[in-house]
Structures are given as structure tokens and as C-alpha cells.
Amino acid sequence: MTAAQNSQLGALCFGRAQGKDFLGIADLDRHAWSDSRYGERIPDGEHVWRVWVAGAYVFVARDGAQVVGAIVAFPTRQETLFVHKVMVQQHYRGRGIGTRLFDLLLEEIDASVHASCFLTVDRRRRPPCGVTSGSDSPNDST
């Protein structure tokens, strides 16, 4: 993370999602994809986010009381963790928020469960920083 990005994060609060955050995360999920070609996708509902906040690895970025970024990973049957979504509100993007959320998630995984984790990315987009390509399966675009 650059010094400029780090200074832009100063006003934001990062941490593990709390029970009260599920509505803000669900709202972010409804709007975060609207400016992409995935705008037609059905977001995960409030009930799902309530369960994930309680039982999965969910971290958020807050600006005051507003959730402006979130990441979620949950265990699979293969004893790995699947990073399901990383979302940042459009006007907060480019500040290193997604990077910081990934850092928090990976620090928690390394400290507590020592599990491997994976995610899928759309090959037609620029990959997240530090992510290397894996399979060329057409199912790898999420």
C-alpha cells in the first residue's frame, strides 16, 4: 500500500463485522455491482449476510456508521476458505480499502485457522494486486 493510500484510509475504521453491520453490508452488496456489467446479478439478501456476519470471516470498512467496504470468506468442505465477495462503494474505490480488507482477512486466517483460501476473478478484468491466475475454466469468472 502506498503512503498516499494509507493517508486516505485515516478517517475510516476497519475491523471484523459486528451483528449490527449485516444490513449495511447487504445494502452495499445491492449497490456495489450496479456500475459494472454484473449489475443484473442478484445480491445476497439480508438473511444471508446476518448468518455470514455471525459465522464466517467478514470484515468491513466504515466511514462513521456507514459500511463502505466489505469482504467475506467462509469455509468449504475441502477445509479451505472461499473468498466470496470483496466490495467497496464506488466513490471510495482507489484508496486501498479492498487491499486493507484483504490484509485483515489474511491476517486472521494466518493467526487462527492456518487454512488455504481461494477466490475466483473475472479474467477479463485486471486481477487484484498480488493475485495470480489459476485455471482457465470458464467457471472461473465470478
N, C-alpha and C. Protein backbone atom coordinates (compact mmCIF):
# COMPACT_ATOMS: atom_id res chain seq x y z
N MET A 1 0.84 -1.16 0.00
CA MET A 1 0.00 0.00 0.00
C MET A 1 0.89 1.24 0.00
N THR A 2 0.53 2.20 -0.81
CA THR A 2 1.33 3.40 -0.90
C THR A 2 1.05 4.33 0.27
N ALA A 3 1.96 5.27 0.52
CA ALA A 3 1.76 6.24 1.59
C ALA A 3 0.51 7.08 1.34
N ALA A 4 0.26 7.43 0.07
CA ALA A 4 -0.94 8.21 -0.26
C ALA A 4 -2.21 7.44 0.06
N GLN A 5 -2.24 6.14 -0.29
CA GLN A 5 -3.40 5.33 0.02
C GLN A 5 -3.57 5.20 1.53
N ASN A 6 -2.48 5.00 2.25
CA ASN A 6 -2.54 4.86 3.69
C ASN A 6 -3.12 6.11 4.34
N SER A 7 -2.75 7.28 3.85
CA SER A 7 -3.27 8.52 4.43
C SER A 7 -4.75 8.69 4.13
N GLN A 8 -5.21 8.17 2.99
CA GLN A 8 -6.63 8.26 2.65
C GLN A 8 -7.49 7.34 3.49
N LEU A 9 -6.88 6.37 4.14
CA LEU A 9 -7.61 5.43 4.97
C LEU A 9 -7.78 5.93 6.39
N GLY A 10 -7.09 7.02 6.73
CA GLY A 10 -7.05 7.51 8.10
C GLY A 10 -8.41 7.74 8.74
N ALA A 11 -9.38 8.25 7.99
CA ALA A 11 -10.69 8.55 8.56
C ALA A 11 -11.59 7.32 8.64
N LEU A 12 -11.18 6.23 8.03
CA LEU A 12 -12.01 5.03 8.00
C LEU A 12 -11.66 4.11 9.16
N CYS A 13 -12.65 3.34 9.57
CA CYS A 13 -12.47 2.36 10.64
C CYS A 13 -12.60 0.97 10.03
N PHE A 14 -11.63 0.11 10.28
CA PHE A 14 -11.62 -1.25 9.74
C PHE A 14 -11.73 -2.24 10.88
N GLY A 15 -12.43 -3.34 10.65
CA GLY A 15 -12.49 -4.37 11.67
C GLY A 15 -13.42 -5.49 11.29
N ARG A 16 -13.49 -6.45 12.18
CA ARG A 16 -14.40 -7.59 11.99
C ARG A 16 -15.83 -7.08 12.04
N ALA A 17 -16.66 -7.57 11.15
CA ALA A 17 -18.06 -7.15 11.14
C ALA A 17 -18.74 -7.57 12.44
N GLN A 18 -19.63 -6.73 12.89
CA GLN A 18 -20.42 -7.00 14.09
C GLN A 18 -21.86 -7.27 13.67
N GLY A 19 -22.62 -7.85 14.56
CA GLY A 19 -24.01 -8.20 14.25
C GLY A 19 -24.81 -7.07 13.64
N LYS A 20 -24.58 -5.88 14.10
CA LYS A 20 -25.34 -4.72 13.60
C LYS A 20 -24.96 -4.34 12.17
N ASP A 21 -23.88 -4.87 11.63
CA ASP A 21 -23.38 -4.48 10.31
C ASP A 21 -24.09 -5.17 9.14
N PHE A 22 -24.85 -6.23 9.40
CA PHE A 22 -25.35 -7.02 8.28
C PHE A 22 -26.26 -6.23 7.35
N LEU A 23 -27.04 -5.30 7.87
CA LEU A 23 -27.91 -4.50 7.00
C LEU A 23 -27.09 -3.57 6.12
N GLY A 24 -26.05 -2.96 6.67
CA GLY A 24 -25.19 -2.08 5.89
C GLY A 24 -24.42 -2.84 4.82
N ILE A 25 -24.00 -4.06 5.14
CA ILE A 25 -23.29 -4.88 4.16
C ILE A 25 -24.24 -5.30 3.04
N ALA A 26 -25.46 -5.70 3.41
CA ALA A 26 -26.45 -6.08 2.40
C ALA A 26 -26.76 -4.90 1.48
N ASP A 27 -26.85 -3.71 2.03
CA ASP A 27 -27.09 -2.51 1.23
C ASP A 27 -25.92 -2.26 0.28
N LEU A 28 -24.71 -2.39 0.79
CA LEU A 28 -23.52 -2.25 -0.06
C LEU A 28 -23.55 -3.28 -1.17
N ASP A 29 -23.91 -4.51 -0.86
CA ASP A 29 -23.98 -5.58 -1.85
C ASP A 29 -24.99 -5.26 -2.94
N ARG A 30 -26.11 -4.66 -2.59
CA ARG A 30 -27.12 -4.30 -3.59
C ARG A 30 -26.62 -3.23 -4.55
N HIS A 31 -25.76 -2.32 -4.06
CA HIS A 31 -25.34 -1.18 -4.88
C HIS A 31 -23.93 -1.30 -5.46
N ALA A 32 -23.08 -2.10 -4.88
CA ALA A 32 -21.68 -2.14 -5.30
C ALA A 32 -21.50 -2.64 -6.73
N TRP A 33 -22.40 -3.44 -7.21
CA TRP A 33 -22.25 -4.04 -8.53
C TRP A 33 -23.02 -3.27 -9.60
N SER A 34 -23.80 -2.27 -9.22
CA SER A 34 -24.69 -1.60 -10.17
C SER A 34 -23.95 -0.88 -11.29
N ASP A 35 -22.71 -0.49 -11.08
CA ASP A 35 -21.95 0.23 -12.11
C ASP A 35 -21.09 -0.70 -12.96
N SER A 36 -21.27 -1.99 -12.81
CA SER A 36 -20.47 -2.94 -13.59
C SER A 36 -21.38 -3.73 -14.51
N ARG A 37 -20.79 -4.55 -15.32
CA ARG A 37 -21.62 -5.39 -16.18
C ARG A 37 -22.35 -6.46 -15.39
N TYR A 38 -22.05 -6.56 -14.10
CA TYR A 38 -22.72 -7.54 -13.24
C TYR A 38 -23.91 -6.93 -12.51
N GLY A 39 -24.35 -5.76 -12.91
CA GLY A 39 -25.44 -5.08 -12.25
C GLY A 39 -26.73 -5.88 -12.21
N GLU A 40 -26.88 -6.83 -13.13
CA GLU A 40 -28.11 -7.62 -13.17
C GLU A 40 -28.07 -8.78 -12.18
N ARG A 41 -26.95 -9.03 -11.54
CA ARG A 41 -26.85 -10.15 -10.59
C ARG A 41 -27.70 -9.89 -9.36
N ILE A 42 -28.18 -10.96 -8.79
CA ILE A 42 -28.99 -10.86 -7.58
C ILE A 42 -28.05 -10.83 -6.39
N PRO A 43 -28.12 -9.77 -5.58
CA PRO A 43 -27.24 -9.71 -4.41
C PRO A 43 -27.67 -10.71 -3.35
N ASP A 44 -26.75 -11.01 -2.46
CA ASP A 44 -27.10 -11.86 -1.32
C ASP A 44 -28.02 -11.05 -0.41
N GLY A 45 -29.03 -11.69 0.13
CA GLY A 45 -30.02 -11.00 0.95
C GLY A 45 -29.57 -10.73 2.37
N GLU A 46 -30.35 -9.93 3.07
CA GLU A 46 -30.02 -9.60 4.46
C GLU A 46 -29.89 -10.83 5.34
N HIS A 47 -30.76 -11.83 5.12
CA HIS A 47 -30.70 -13.04 5.95
C HIS A 47 -29.36 -13.76 5.78
N VAL A 48 -28.84 -13.78 4.56
CA VAL A 48 -27.56 -14.45 4.32
C VAL A 48 -26.43 -13.67 4.99
N TRP A 49 -26.46 -12.36 4.85
CA TRP A 49 -25.41 -11.55 5.49
C TRP A 49 -25.47 -11.66 7.00
N ARG A 50 -26.66 -11.80 7.57
CA ARG A 50 -26.79 -11.98 9.02
C ARG A 50 -26.08 -13.27 9.45
N VAL A 51 -26.29 -14.34 8.70
CA VAL A 51 -25.65 -15.62 9.01
C VAL A 51 -24.14 -15.51 8.84
N TRP A 52 -23.68 -14.90 7.74
CA TRP A 52 -22.25 -14.80 7.49
C TRP A 52 -21.55 -13.93 8.52
N VAL A 53 -22.17 -12.82 8.92
CA VAL A 53 -21.55 -11.97 9.94
C VAL A 53 -21.39 -12.76 11.23
N ALA A 54 -22.35 -13.61 11.53
CA ALA A 54 -22.29 -14.40 12.77
C ALA A 54 -21.30 -15.56 12.68
N GLY A 55 -21.13 -16.17 11.48
CA GLY A 55 -20.37 -17.40 11.43
C GLY A 55 -19.23 -17.48 10.44
N ALA A 56 -19.06 -16.49 9.60
CA ALA A 56 -17.98 -16.53 8.60
C ALA A 56 -16.93 -15.48 8.96
N TYR A 57 -15.99 -15.30 8.07
CA TYR A 57 -14.97 -14.27 8.24
C TYR A 57 -15.41 -13.06 7.43
N VAL A 58 -15.94 -12.06 8.12
CA VAL A 58 -16.44 -10.85 7.46
C VAL A 58 -15.77 -9.65 8.10
N PHE A 59 -15.14 -8.83 7.26
CA PHE A 59 -14.50 -7.60 7.71
C PHE A 59 -15.11 -6.44 6.94
N VAL A 60 -15.17 -5.30 7.61
CA VAL A 60 -15.78 -4.12 6.99
C VAL A 60 -14.89 -2.90 7.14
N ALA A 61 -15.13 -1.95 6.26
CA ALA A 61 -14.57 -0.60 6.36
C ALA A 61 -15.77 0.32 6.60
N ARG A 62 -15.66 1.17 7.61
CA ARG A 62 -16.74 2.10 7.93
C ARG A 62 -16.25 3.53 7.83
N ASP A 63 -17.12 4.37 7.33
CA ASP A 63 -16.92 5.81 7.38
C ASP A 63 -18.02 6.31 8.30
N GLY A 64 -17.66 6.54 9.55
CA GLY A 64 -18.68 6.81 10.56
C GLY A 64 -19.46 5.53 10.79
N ALA A 65 -20.78 5.61 10.68
CA ALA A 65 -21.63 4.44 10.87
C ALA A 65 -21.90 3.70 9.57
N GLN A 66 -21.49 4.26 8.44
CA GLN A 66 -21.78 3.69 7.13
C GLN A 66 -20.73 2.67 6.71
N VAL A 67 -21.20 1.49 6.30
CA VAL A 67 -20.31 0.46 5.75
C VAL A 67 -19.99 0.85 4.31
N VAL A 68 -18.70 1.06 4.03
CA VAL A 68 -18.28 1.47 2.68
C VAL A 68 -17.46 0.39 1.97
N GLY A 69 -17.13 -0.67 2.68
CA GLY A 69 -16.39 -1.78 2.09
C GLY A 69 -16.59 -3.03 2.92
N ALA A 70 -16.52 -4.19 2.27
CA ALA A 70 -16.67 -5.45 3.00
C ALA A 70 -16.00 -6.58 2.23
N ILE A 71 -15.58 -7.58 2.98
CA ILE A 71 -15.03 -8.81 2.41
C ILE A 71 -15.58 -9.97 3.23
N VAL A 72 -15.87 -11.07 2.57
CA VAL A 72 -16.38 -12.24 3.27
C VAL A 72 -15.70 -13.49 2.73
N ALA A 73 -15.32 -14.38 3.65
CA ALA A 73 -14.78 -15.70 3.31
C ALA A 73 -15.44 -16.71 4.24
N PHE A 74 -15.72 -17.87 3.70
CA PHE A 74 -16.30 -18.91 4.54
C PHE A 74 -15.67 -20.26 4.20
N PRO A 75 -15.74 -21.20 5.15
CA PRO A 75 -15.10 -22.50 4.95
C PRO A 75 -15.83 -23.34 3.92
N THR A 76 -15.06 -24.20 3.27
CA THR A 76 -15.62 -25.16 2.33
C THR A 76 -15.47 -26.56 2.92
N ARG A 77 -16.04 -27.53 2.26
CA ARG A 77 -15.90 -28.92 2.73
C ARG A 77 -14.49 -29.45 2.53
N GLN A 78 -13.70 -28.78 1.71
CA GLN A 78 -12.32 -29.21 1.47
C GLN A 78 -11.35 -28.58 2.47
N GLU A 79 -11.86 -28.01 3.54
CA GLU A 79 -11.05 -27.39 4.60
C GLU A 79 -10.19 -26.24 4.09
N THR A 80 -10.76 -25.51 3.15
CA THR A 80 -10.16 -24.26 2.68
C THR A 80 -11.18 -23.16 2.92
N LEU A 81 -10.78 -21.93 2.72
CA LEU A 81 -11.71 -20.81 2.83
C LEU A 81 -11.93 -20.21 1.45
N PHE A 82 -13.16 -19.92 1.15
CA PHE A 82 -13.54 -19.31 -0.13
C PHE A 82 -13.82 -17.83 0.10
N VAL A 83 -13.08 -16.97 -0.58
CA VAL A 83 -13.35 -15.53 -0.52
C VAL A 83 -14.47 -15.29 -1.51
N HIS A 84 -15.65 -15.03 -0.98
CA HIS A 84 -16.86 -14.93 -1.80
C HIS A 84 -17.00 -13.56 -2.46
N LYS A 85 -16.82 -12.50 -1.69
CA LYS A 85 -17.01 -11.16 -2.22
C LYS A 85 -16.07 -10.18 -1.55
N VAL A 86 -15.65 -9.21 -2.35
CA VAL A 86 -14.96 -8.02 -1.87
C VAL A 86 -15.68 -6.86 -2.54
N MET A 87 -16.18 -5.93 -1.73
CA MET A 87 -16.97 -4.83 -2.28
C MET A 87 -16.53 -3.52 -1.65
N VAL A 88 -16.47 -2.48 -2.47
CA VAL A 88 -16.19 -1.13 -1.98
C VAL A 88 -17.12 -0.19 -2.73
N GLN A 89 -17.75 0.72 -1.99
CA GLN A 89 -18.61 1.71 -2.65
C GLN A 89 -17.83 2.45 -3.73
N GLN A 90 -18.51 2.77 -4.81
CA GLN A 90 -17.84 3.33 -5.98
C GLN A 90 -16.99 4.55 -5.66
N HIS A 91 -17.50 5.52 -4.94
CA HIS A 91 -16.72 6.74 -4.71
C HIS A 91 -15.64 6.58 -3.64
N TYR A 92 -15.50 5.39 -3.06
CA TYR A 92 -14.41 5.11 -2.12
C TYR A 92 -13.31 4.26 -2.77
N ARG A 93 -13.51 3.86 -4.01
CA ARG A 93 -12.54 2.98 -4.67
C ARG A 93 -11.25 3.72 -5.01
N GLY A 94 -10.17 2.94 -5.13
CA GLY A 94 -8.88 3.50 -5.49
C GLY A 94 -8.10 4.05 -4.30
N ARG A 95 -8.58 3.82 -3.10
CA ARG A 95 -7.93 4.32 -1.88
C ARG A 95 -7.22 3.23 -1.09
N GLY A 96 -7.27 2.00 -1.57
CA GLY A 96 -6.62 0.91 -0.85
C GLY A 96 -7.53 0.20 0.14
N ILE A 97 -8.83 0.47 0.09
CA ILE A 97 -9.76 -0.14 1.04
C ILE A 97 -9.85 -1.65 0.82
N GLY A 98 -9.98 -2.09 -0.43
CA GLY A 98 -10.02 -3.52 -0.71
C GLY A 98 -8.75 -4.22 -0.28
N THR A 99 -7.61 -3.58 -0.52
CA THR A 99 -6.33 -4.14 -0.09
C THR A 99 -6.28 -4.31 1.42
N ARG A 100 -6.72 -3.28 2.14
CA ARG A 100 -6.72 -3.35 3.61
C ARG A 100 -7.66 -4.44 4.10
N LEU A 101 -8.82 -4.60 3.47
CA LEU A 101 -9.75 -5.65 3.86
C LEU A 101 -9.14 -7.03 3.63
N PHE A 102 -8.47 -7.20 2.49
CA PHE A 102 -7.77 -8.47 2.23
C PHE A 102 -6.70 -8.71 3.29
N ASP A 103 -5.93 -7.68 3.63
CA ASP A 103 -4.89 -7.82 4.65
C ASP A 103 -5.49 -8.30 5.98
N LEU A 104 -6.58 -7.68 6.40
CA LEU A 104 -7.22 -8.08 7.67
C LEU A 104 -7.69 -9.53 7.62
N LEU A 105 -8.32 -9.89 6.51
CA LEU A 105 -8.81 -11.26 6.36
C LEU A 105 -7.66 -12.26 6.41
N LEU A 106 -6.62 -12.01 5.65
CA LEU A 106 -5.50 -12.96 5.60
C LEU A 106 -4.74 -13.02 6.93
N GLU A 107 -4.63 -11.90 7.63
CA GLU A 107 -4.01 -11.91 8.97
C GLU A 107 -4.81 -12.79 9.91
N GLU A 108 -6.12 -12.69 9.87
CA GLU A 108 -6.99 -13.51 10.74
C GLU A 108 -6.87 -14.98 10.38
N ILE A 109 -6.86 -15.29 9.11
CA ILE A 109 -6.73 -16.68 8.67
C ILE A 109 -5.39 -17.25 9.12
N ASP A 110 -4.33 -16.50 8.91
CA ASP A 110 -3.00 -16.96 9.32
C ASP A 110 -2.90 -17.15 10.82
N ALA A 111 -3.52 -16.28 11.59
CA ALA A 111 -3.41 -16.33 13.05
C ALA A 111 -4.31 -17.39 13.68
N SER A 112 -5.45 -17.70 13.06
CA SER A 112 -6.40 -18.56 13.75
C SER A 112 -6.61 -19.93 13.12
N VAL A 113 -6.78 -20.01 11.82
CA VAL A 113 -7.13 -21.30 11.23
C VAL A 113 -6.05 -21.91 10.36
N HIS A 114 -5.08 -21.13 9.95
CA HIS A 114 -3.97 -21.64 9.13
C HIS A 114 -4.46 -22.42 7.92
N ALA A 115 -5.52 -21.95 7.29
CA ALA A 115 -6.09 -22.63 6.13
C ALA A 115 -5.70 -21.91 4.84
N SER A 116 -5.73 -22.66 3.77
CA SER A 116 -5.57 -22.04 2.46
C SER A 116 -6.88 -21.36 2.09
N CYS A 117 -6.79 -20.35 1.25
CA CYS A 117 -8.03 -19.74 0.77
C CYS A 117 -7.92 -19.51 -0.72
N PHE A 118 -9.06 -19.39 -1.36
CA PHE A 118 -9.08 -19.16 -2.79
C PHE A 118 -10.22 -18.22 -3.13
N LEU A 119 -10.14 -17.65 -4.31
CA LEU A 119 -11.19 -16.82 -4.85
C LEU A 119 -11.18 -16.97 -6.35
N THR A 120 -12.27 -16.57 -6.96
CA THR A 120 -12.32 -16.56 -8.41
C THR A 120 -12.44 -15.12 -8.86
N VAL A 121 -11.84 -14.83 -10.00
CA VAL A 121 -11.90 -13.47 -10.55
C VAL A 121 -12.29 -13.55 -12.01
N ASP A 122 -12.82 -12.48 -12.50
CA ASP A 122 -13.18 -12.38 -13.91
C ASP A 122 -11.91 -12.16 -14.71
N ARG A 123 -11.56 -13.09 -15.56
CA ARG A 123 -10.32 -13.00 -16.33
C ARG A 123 -10.29 -11.79 -17.25
N ARG A 124 -11.44 -11.24 -17.59
CA ARG A 124 -11.48 -10.10 -18.50
C ARG A 124 -11.17 -8.78 -17.79
N ARG A 125 -11.09 -8.81 -16.49
CA ARG A 125 -10.77 -7.61 -15.72
C ARG A 125 -9.34 -7.69 -15.23
N ARG A 126 -8.81 -6.55 -14.84
CA ARG A 126 -7.47 -6.52 -14.25
C ARG A 126 -7.52 -7.27 -12.92
N PRO A 127 -6.62 -8.24 -12.70
CA PRO A 127 -6.67 -9.01 -11.45
C PRO A 127 -6.31 -8.14 -10.25
N PRO A 128 -6.86 -8.49 -9.08
CA PRO A 128 -6.47 -7.77 -7.87
C PRO A 128 -4.97 -7.84 -7.66
N CYS A 129 -4.43 -6.88 -7.02
CA CYS A 129 -2.99 -6.80 -6.75
C CYS A 129 -2.54 -8.07 -6.03
N GLY A 130 -1.52 -8.72 -6.58
CA GLY A 130 -0.96 -9.90 -5.92
C GLY A 130 -1.68 -11.19 -6.23
N VAL A 131 -2.74 -11.16 -7.04
CA VAL A 131 -3.47 -12.38 -7.36
C VAL A 131 -2.94 -12.93 -8.67
N THR A 132 -2.60 -14.20 -8.65
CA THR A 132 -2.11 -14.84 -9.87
C THR A 132 -3.22 -15.67 -10.48
N SER A 133 -3.15 -15.87 -11.77
CA SER A 133 -4.21 -16.62 -12.43
C SER A 133 -4.04 -18.10 -12.16
N GLY A 134 -5.16 -18.79 -12.16
CA GLY A 134 -5.15 -20.23 -11.93
C GLY A 134 -5.68 -20.93 -13.15
N SER A 135 -6.73 -21.67 -12.98
CA SER A 135 -7.35 -22.44 -14.04
C SER A 135 -7.93 -21.54 -15.12
N ASP A 136 -8.01 -22.07 -16.32
CA ASP A 136 -8.65 -21.34 -17.41
C ASP A 136 -10.08 -21.81 -17.62
N SER A 137 -10.64 -22.44 -16.62
CA SER A 137 -12.01 -22.93 -16.72
C SER A 137 -12.97 -21.77 -16.92
N PRO A 138 -13.99 -21.94 -17.78
CA PRO A 138 -14.96 -20.86 -17.96
C PRO A 138 -15.75 -20.56 -16.69
N ASN A 139 -15.72 -21.47 -15.72
CA ASN A 139 -16.42 -21.23 -14.46
C ASN A 139 -15.62 -20.38 -13.51
N ASP A 140 -14.44 -19.93 -13.90
CA ASP A 140 -13.59 -19.15 -13.02
C ASP A 140 -13.95 -17.67 -12.98
N SER A 141 -14.99 -17.26 -13.61
CA SER A 141 -15.33 -15.84 -13.58
C SER A 141 -16.54 -15.62 -12.69
N THR A 142 -16.31 -15.00 -11.56
CA THR A 142 -17.37 -14.69 -10.61
C THR A 142 -17.34 -13.23 -10.28
